[in-house]
Amino acid sequence: FLARKEKWLVLSVYVLGAFFLIANF
């Protein structure tokens, strides 16, 4: 939305999210 180009941040939160999704089950 803010047209930021911080792909490292987005990638990092997706990796963390994937880790917690796996841990969830």
PDB file of all heavy atoms in Angstrom:
ATOM      1  N   PHE A   1       0.822  -1.210   0.000  1.00  0.00           N
ATOM      2  CA  PHE A   1       0.000   0.000   0.000  1.00  0.00           C
ATOM      3  C   PHE A   1       0.860   1.266   0.000  1.00  0.00           C
ATOM      4  O   PHE A   1       0.561   2.239  -0.678  1.00  0.00           O
ATOM      5  CB  PHE A   1      -0.933  -0.013   1.212  1.00  0.00           C
ATOM      6  CG  PHE A   1      -1.844   1.167   1.299  1.00  0.00           C
ATOM      7  CD1 PHE A   1      -2.926   1.288   0.437  1.00  0.00           C
ATOM      8  CD2 PHE A   1      -1.621   2.161   2.245  1.00  0.00           C
ATOM      9  CE1 PHE A   1      -3.785   2.394   0.520  1.00  0.00           C
ATOM     10  CE2 PHE A   1      -2.469   3.257   2.330  1.00  0.00           C
ATOM     11  CZ  PHE A   1      -3.548   3.378   1.461  1.00  0.00           C
ATOM     12  N   LEU A   2       1.938   1.238   0.775  1.00  0.00           N
ATOM     13  CA  LEU A   2       2.827   2.392   0.858  1.00  0.00           C
ATOM     14  C   LEU A   2       3.889   2.403  -0.240  1.00  0.00           C
ATOM     15  O   LEU A   2       4.745   3.286  -0.250  1.00  0.00           O
ATOM     16  CB  LEU A   2       3.511   2.440   2.233  1.00  0.00           C
ATOM     17  CG  LEU A   2       2.581   2.625   3.429  1.00  0.00           C
ATOM     18  CD1 LEU A   2       3.369   2.575   4.731  1.00  0.00           C
ATOM     19  CD2 LEU A   2       1.806   3.923   3.314  1.00  0.00           C
ATOM     20  N   ALA A   3       3.823   1.421  -1.132  1.00  0.00           N
ATOM     21  CA  ALA A   3       4.784   1.294  -2.248  1.00  0.00           C
ATOM     22  C   ALA A   3       6.221   1.211  -1.743  1.00  0.00           C
ATOM     23  O   ALA A   3       7.142   1.731  -2.361  1.00  0.00           O
ATOM     24  CB  ALA A   3       4.609   2.436  -3.243  1.00  0.00           C
ATOM     25  N   ARG A   4       6.392   0.530  -0.632  1.00  0.00           N
ATOM     26  CA  ARG A   4       7.735   0.299  -0.089  1.00  0.00           C
ATOM     27  C   ARG A   4       8.352  -0.880  -0.822  1.00  0.00           C
ATOM     28  O   ARG A   4       7.661  -1.789  -1.242  1.00  0.00           O
ATOM     29  CB  ARG A   4       7.664   0.004   1.413  1.00  0.00           C
ATOM     30  CG  ARG A   4       7.008   1.070   2.261  1.00  0.00           C
ATOM     31  CD  ARG A   4       7.823   2.323   2.397  1.00  0.00           C
ATOM     32  NE  ARG A   4       9.104   2.073   2.977  1.00  0.00           N
ATOM     33  CZ  ARG A   4       9.491   2.504   4.162  1.00  0.00           C
ATOM     34  NH1 ARG A   4       8.678   3.212   4.905  1.00  0.00           N
ATOM     35  NH2 ARG A   4      10.691   2.238   4.617  1.00  0.00           N
ATOM     36  N   LYS A   5       9.638  -0.888  -0.932  1.00  0.00           N
ATOM     37  CA  LYS A   5      10.340  -1.956  -1.640  1.00  0.00           C
ATOM     38  C   LYS A   5      11.172  -2.804  -0.676  1.00  0.00           C
ATOM     39  O   LYS A   5      12.239  -3.267  -1.015  1.00  0.00           O
ATOM     40  CB  LYS A   5      11.244  -1.355  -2.728  1.00  0.00           C
ATOM     41  CG  LYS A   5      10.514  -0.508  -3.735  1.00  0.00           C
ATOM     42  CD  LYS A   5       9.562  -1.335  -4.563  1.00  0.00           C
ATOM     43  CE  LYS A   5       8.891  -0.453  -5.609  1.00  0.00           C
ATOM     44  NZ  LYS A   5       7.690  -1.025  -6.132  1.00  0.00           N
ATOM     45  N   GLU A   6      10.657  -3.005   0.509  1.00  0.00           N
ATOM     46  CA  GLU A   6      11.382  -3.772   1.527  1.00  0.00           C
ATOM     47  C   GLU A   6      11.028  -5.252   1.431  1.00  0.00           C
ATOM     48  O   GLU A   6      10.355  -5.803   2.297  1.00  0.00           O
ATOM     49  CB  GLU A   6      11.096  -3.195   2.907  1.00  0.00           C
ATOM     50  CG  GLU A   6      11.563  -1.761   3.034  1.00  0.00           C
ATOM     51  CD  GLU A   6      11.216  -1.146   4.370  1.00  0.00           C
ATOM     52  OE1 GLU A   6      10.915  -1.881   5.318  1.00  0.00           O
ATOM     53  OE2 GLU A   6      11.247   0.084   4.447  1.00  0.00           O
ATOM     54  N   LYS A   7      11.504  -5.880   0.376  1.00  0.00           N
ATOM     55  CA  LYS A   7      11.182  -7.291   0.145  1.00  0.00           C
ATOM     56  C   LYS A   7      11.753  -8.186   1.233  1.00  0.00           C
ATOM     57  O   LYS A   7      11.168  -9.222   1.545  1.00  0.00           O
ATOM     58  CB  LYS A   7      11.668  -7.727  -1.236  1.00  0.00           C
ATOM     59  CG  LYS A   7      10.899  -7.062  -2.347  1.00  0.00           C
ATOM     60  CD  LYS A   7      11.324  -7.563  -3.695  1.00  0.00           C
ATOM     61  CE  LYS A   7      10.496  -6.839  -4.754  1.00  0.00           C
ATOM     62  NZ  LYS A   7      10.677  -7.386  -6.064  1.00  0.00           N
ATOM     63  N   TRP A   8      12.862  -7.791   1.835  1.00  0.00           N
ATOM     64  CA  TRP A   8      13.461  -8.589   2.904  1.00  0.00           C
ATOM     65  C   TRP A   8      12.510  -8.705   4.093  1.00  0.00           C
ATOM     66  O   TRP A   8      12.423  -9.750   4.724  1.00  0.00           O
ATOM     67  CB  TRP A   8      14.796  -7.981   3.341  1.00  0.00           C
ATOM     68  CG  TRP A   8      14.633  -6.624   3.966  1.00  0.00           C
ATOM     69  CD1 TRP A   8      14.663  -5.413   3.324  1.00  0.00           C
ATOM     70  CD2 TRP A   8      14.358  -6.334   5.337  1.00  0.00           C
ATOM     71  NE1 TRP A   8      14.420  -4.386   4.199  1.00  0.00           N
ATOM     72  CE2 TRP A   8      14.233  -4.915   5.459  1.00  0.00           C
ATOM     73  CE3 TRP A   8      14.196  -7.111   6.473  1.00  0.00           C
ATOM     74  CZ2 TRP A   8      13.967  -4.287   6.662  1.00  0.00           C
ATOM     75  CZ3 TRP A   8      13.930  -6.471   7.679  1.00  0.00           C
ATOM     76  CH2 TRP A   8      13.826  -5.083   7.765  1.00  0.00           C
ATOM     77  N   LEU A   9      11.786  -7.615   4.385  1.00  0.00           N
ATOM     78  CA  LEU A   9      10.841  -7.625   5.503  1.00  0.00           C
ATOM     79  C   LEU A   9       9.673  -8.567   5.203  1.00  0.00           C
ATOM     80  O   LEU A   9       9.300  -9.392   6.042  1.00  0.00           O
ATOM     81  CB  LEU A   9      10.334  -6.209   5.780  1.00  0.00           C
ATOM     82  CG  LEU A   9       9.251  -6.087   6.855  1.00  0.00           C
ATOM     83  CD1 LEU A   9       9.786  -6.512   8.211  1.00  0.00           C
ATOM     84  CD2 LEU A   9       8.721  -4.661   6.905  1.00  0.00           C
ATOM     85  N   VAL A  10       9.114  -8.440   4.023  1.00  0.00           N
ATOM     86  CA  VAL A  10       7.976  -9.287   3.640  1.00  0.00           C
ATOM     87  C   VAL A  10       8.399 -10.752   3.626  1.00  0.00           C
ATOM     88  O   VAL A  10       7.700 -11.614   4.161  1.00  0.00           O
ATOM     89  CB  VAL A  10       7.401  -8.835   2.278  1.00  0.00           C
ATOM     90  CG1 VAL A  10       6.318  -9.790   1.812  1.00  0.00           C
ATOM     91  CG2 VAL A  10       6.860  -7.416   2.372  1.00  0.00           C
ATOM     92  N   LEU A  11       9.549 -11.035   3.036  1.00  0.00           N
ATOM     93  CA  LEU A  11      10.040 -12.419   2.998  1.00  0.00           C
ATOM     94  C   LEU A  11      10.266 -12.954   4.413  1.00  0.00           C
ATOM     95  O   LEU A  11       9.902 -14.088   4.724  1.00  0.00           O
ATOM     96  CB  LEU A  11      11.323 -12.500   2.173  1.00  0.00           C
ATOM     97  CG  LEU A  11      11.948 -13.883   2.071  1.00  0.00           C
ATOM     98  CD1 LEU A  11      10.997 -14.863   1.378  1.00  0.00           C
ATOM     99  CD2 LEU A  11      13.273 -13.816   1.341  1.00  0.00           C
ATOM    100  N   SER A  12      10.832 -12.118   5.277  1.00  0.00           N
ATOM    101  CA  SER A  12      11.097 -12.543   6.664  1.00  0.00           C
ATOM    102  C   SER A  12       9.817 -12.907   7.405  1.00  0.00           C
ATOM    103  O   SER A  12       9.773 -13.930   8.102  1.00  0.00           O
ATOM    104  CB  SER A  12      11.817 -11.424   7.435  1.00  0.00           C
ATOM    105  OG  SER A  12      13.047 -11.142   6.859  1.00  0.00           O
ATOM    106  N   VAL A  13       8.768 -12.090   7.269  1.00  0.00           N
ATOM    107  CA  VAL A  13       7.533 -12.399   7.989  1.00  0.00           C
ATOM    108  C   VAL A  13       6.840 -13.628   7.394  1.00  0.00           C
ATOM    109  O   VAL A  13       6.202 -14.382   8.127  1.00  0.00           O
ATOM    110  CB  VAL A  13       6.565 -11.203   8.088  1.00  0.00           C
ATOM    111  CG1 VAL A  13       7.163 -10.094   8.924  1.00  0.00           C
ATOM    112  CG2 VAL A  13       6.130 -10.705   6.753  1.00  0.00           C
ATOM    113  N   TYR A  14       6.979 -13.863   6.090  1.00  0.00           N
ATOM    114  CA  TYR A  14       6.417 -15.082   5.513  1.00  0.00           C
ATOM    115  C   TYR A  14       7.155 -16.323   6.007  1.00  0.00           C
ATOM    116  O   TYR A  14       6.532 -17.359   6.281  1.00  0.00           O
ATOM    117  CB  TYR A  14       6.427 -15.029   3.982  1.00  0.00           C
ATOM    118  CG  TYR A  14       5.196 -14.373   3.411  1.00  0.00           C
ATOM    119  CD1 TYR A  14       5.206 -13.039   3.024  1.00  0.00           C
ATOM    120  CD2 TYR A  14       4.001 -15.077   3.282  1.00  0.00           C
ATOM    121  CE1 TYR A  14       4.065 -12.424   2.511  1.00  0.00           C
ATOM    122  CE2 TYR A  14       2.859 -14.482   2.773  1.00  0.00           C
ATOM    123  CZ  TYR A  14       2.897 -13.153   2.392  1.00  0.00           C
ATOM    124  OH  TYR A  14       1.771 -12.565   1.902  1.00  0.00           O
ATOM    125  N   VAL A  15       8.461 -16.228   6.156  1.00  0.00           N
ATOM    126  CA  VAL A  15       9.233 -17.359   6.693  1.00  0.00           C
ATOM    127  C   VAL A  15       8.819 -17.632   8.139  1.00  0.00           C
ATOM    128  O   VAL A  15       8.581 -18.785   8.524  1.00  0.00           O
ATOM    129  CB  VAL A  15      10.755 -17.098   6.579  1.00  0.00           C
ATOM    130  CG1 VAL A  15      11.551 -18.111   7.378  1.00  0.00           C
ATOM    131  CG2 VAL A  15      11.186 -17.117   5.111  1.00  0.00           C
ATOM    132  N   LEU A  16       8.716 -16.572   8.939  1.00  0.00           N
ATOM    133  CA  LEU A  16       8.258 -16.746  10.326  1.00  0.00           C
ATOM    134  C   LEU A  16       6.846 -17.316  10.371  1.00  0.00           C
ATOM    135  O   LEU A  16       6.547 -18.201  11.176  1.00  0.00           O
ATOM    136  CB  LEU A  16       8.294 -15.409  11.073  1.00  0.00           C
ATOM    137  CG  LEU A  16       9.625 -14.997  11.655  1.00  0.00           C
ATOM    138  CD1 LEU A  16       9.557 -13.568  12.172  1.00  0.00           C
ATOM    139  CD2 LEU A  16      10.046 -15.946  12.746  1.00  0.00           C
ATOM    140  N   GLY A  17       5.977 -16.804   9.512  1.00  0.00           N
ATOM    141  CA  GLY A  17       4.605 -17.307   9.459  1.00  0.00           C
ATOM    142  C   GLY A  17       4.564 -18.779   9.103  1.00  0.00           C
ATOM    143  O   GLY A  17       3.812 -19.556   9.710  1.00  0.00           O
ATOM    144  N   ALA A  18       5.369 -19.183   8.136  1.00  0.00           N
ATOM    145  CA  ALA A  18       5.415 -20.603   7.742  1.00  0.00           C
ATOM    146  C   ALA A  18       5.900 -21.459   8.908  1.00  0.00           C
ATOM    147  O   ALA A  18       5.351 -22.543   9.170  1.00  0.00           O
ATOM    148  CB  ALA A  18       6.318 -20.784   6.524  1.00  0.00           C
ATOM    149  N   PHE A  19       6.908 -20.981   9.632  1.00  0.00           N
ATOM    150  CA  PHE A  19       7.413 -21.711  10.790  1.00  0.00           C
ATOM    151  C   PHE A  19       6.311 -21.908  11.833  1.00  0.00           C
ATOM    152  O   PHE A  19       6.097 -23.021  12.337  1.00  0.00           O
ATOM    153  CB  PHE A  19       8.606 -20.973  11.406  1.00  0.00           C
ATOM    154  CG  PHE A  19       9.014 -21.524  12.740  1.00  0.00           C
ATOM    155  CD1 PHE A  19       9.718 -22.714  12.821  1.00  0.00           C
ATOM    156  CD2 PHE A  19       8.685 -20.865  13.915  1.00  0.00           C
ATOM    157  CE1 PHE A  19      10.089 -23.242  14.049  1.00  0.00           C
ATOM    158  CE2 PHE A  19       9.041 -21.381  15.144  1.00  0.00           C
ATOM    159  CZ  PHE A  19       9.756 -22.570  15.220  1.00  0.00           C
ATOM    160  N   PHE A  20       5.584 -20.838  12.158  1.00  0.00           N
ATOM    161  CA  PHE A  20       4.538 -20.937  13.170  1.00  0.00           C
ATOM    162  C   PHE A  20       3.333 -21.746  12.683  1.00  0.00           C
ATOM    163  O   PHE A  20       2.678 -22.422  13.478  1.00  0.00           O
ATOM    164  CB  PHE A  20       4.119 -19.560  13.667  1.00  0.00           C
ATOM    165  CG  PHE A  20       5.121 -18.952  14.611  1.00  0.00           C
ATOM    166  CD1 PHE A  20       5.864 -17.844  14.238  1.00  0.00           C
ATOM    167  CD2 PHE A  20       5.336 -19.501  15.863  1.00  0.00           C
ATOM    168  CE1 PHE A  20       6.797 -17.295  15.104  1.00  0.00           C
ATOM    169  CE2 PHE A  20       6.266 -18.967  16.732  1.00  0.00           C
ATOM    170  CZ  PHE A  20       7.006 -17.851  16.352  1.00  0.00           C
ATOM    171  N   LEU A  21       3.043 -21.706  11.388  1.00  0.00           N
ATOM    172  CA  LEU A  21       1.968 -22.561  10.855  1.00  0.00           C
ATOM    173  C   LEU A  21       2.312 -24.034  11.023  1.00  0.00           C
ATOM    174  O   LEU A  21       1.463 -24.844  11.398  1.00  0.00           O
ATOM    175  CB  LEU A  21       1.703 -22.245   9.385  1.00  0.00           C
ATOM    176  CG  LEU A  21       0.866 -21.007   9.105  1.00  0.00           C
ATOM    177  CD1 LEU A  21       0.849 -20.700   7.614  1.00  0.00           C
ATOM    178  CD2 LEU A  21      -0.555 -21.176   9.629  1.00  0.00           C
ATOM    179  N   ILE A  22       3.555 -24.383  10.737  1.00  0.00           N
ATOM    180  CA  ILE A  22       3.992 -25.778  10.923  1.00  0.00           C
ATOM    181  C   ILE A  22       3.943 -26.142  12.409  1.00  0.00           C
ATOM    182  O   ILE A  22       3.421 -27.199  12.782  1.00  0.00           O
ATOM    183  CB  ILE A  22       5.401 -25.990  10.334  1.00  0.00           C
ATOM    184  CG1 ILE A  22       5.346 -25.862   8.812  1.00  0.00           C
ATOM    185  CG2 ILE A  22       5.977 -27.340  10.748  1.00  0.00           C
ATOM    186  CD1 ILE A  22       6.704 -25.727   8.141  1.00  0.00           C
ATOM    187  N   ALA A  23       4.446 -25.259  13.254  1.00  0.00           N
ATOM    188  CA  ALA A  23       4.451 -25.515  14.703  1.00  0.00           C
ATOM    189  C   ALA A  23       3.033 -25.638  15.252  1.00  0.00           C
ATOM    190  O   ALA A  23       2.797 -26.374  16.212  1.00  0.00           O
ATOM    191  CB  ALA A  23       5.202 -24.402  15.427  1.00  0.00           C
ATOM    192  N   ASN A  24       2.092 -24.927  14.638  1.00  0.00           N
ATOM    193  CA  ASN A  24       0.707 -24.937  15.089  1.00  0.00           C
ATOM    194  C   ASN A  24       0.120 -26.345  15.097  1.00  0.00           C
ATOM    195  O   ASN A  24      -0.686 -26.679  15.961  1.00  0.00           O
ATOM    196  CB  ASN A  24      -0.116 -24.010  14.193  1.00  0.00           C
ATOM    197  CG  ASN A  24      -1.550 -23.868  14.634  1.00  0.00           C
ATOM    198  OD1 ASN A  24      -1.853 -23.829  15.810  1.00  0.00           O
ATOM    199  ND2 ASN A  24      -2.437 -23.793  13.672  1.00  0.00           N
ATOM    200  N   PHE A  25       0.507 -27.166  14.151  1.00  0.00           N
ATOM    201  CA  PHE A  25      -0.078 -28.501  14.051  1.00  0.00           C
ATOM    202  C   PHE A  25       0.806 -29.605  14.616  1.00  0.00           C
ATOM    203  O   PHE A  25       0.497 -30.781  14.468  1.00  0.00           O
ATOM    204  CB  PHE A  25      -0.465 -28.793  12.602  1.00  0.00           C
ATOM    205  CG  PHE A  25      -1.668 -27.996  12.191  1.00  0.00           C
ATOM    206  CD1 PHE A  25      -1.522 -26.826  11.476  1.00  0.00           C
ATOM    207  CD2 PHE A  25      -2.939 -28.391  12.571  1.00  0.00           C
ATOM    208  CE1 PHE A  25      -2.628 -26.067  11.124  1.00  0.00           C
ATOM    209  CE2 PHE A  25      -4.049 -27.646  12.226  1.00  0.00           C
ATOM    210  CZ  PHE A  25      -3.896 -26.485  11.501  1.00  0.00           C
TER     211      PHE A  25
END
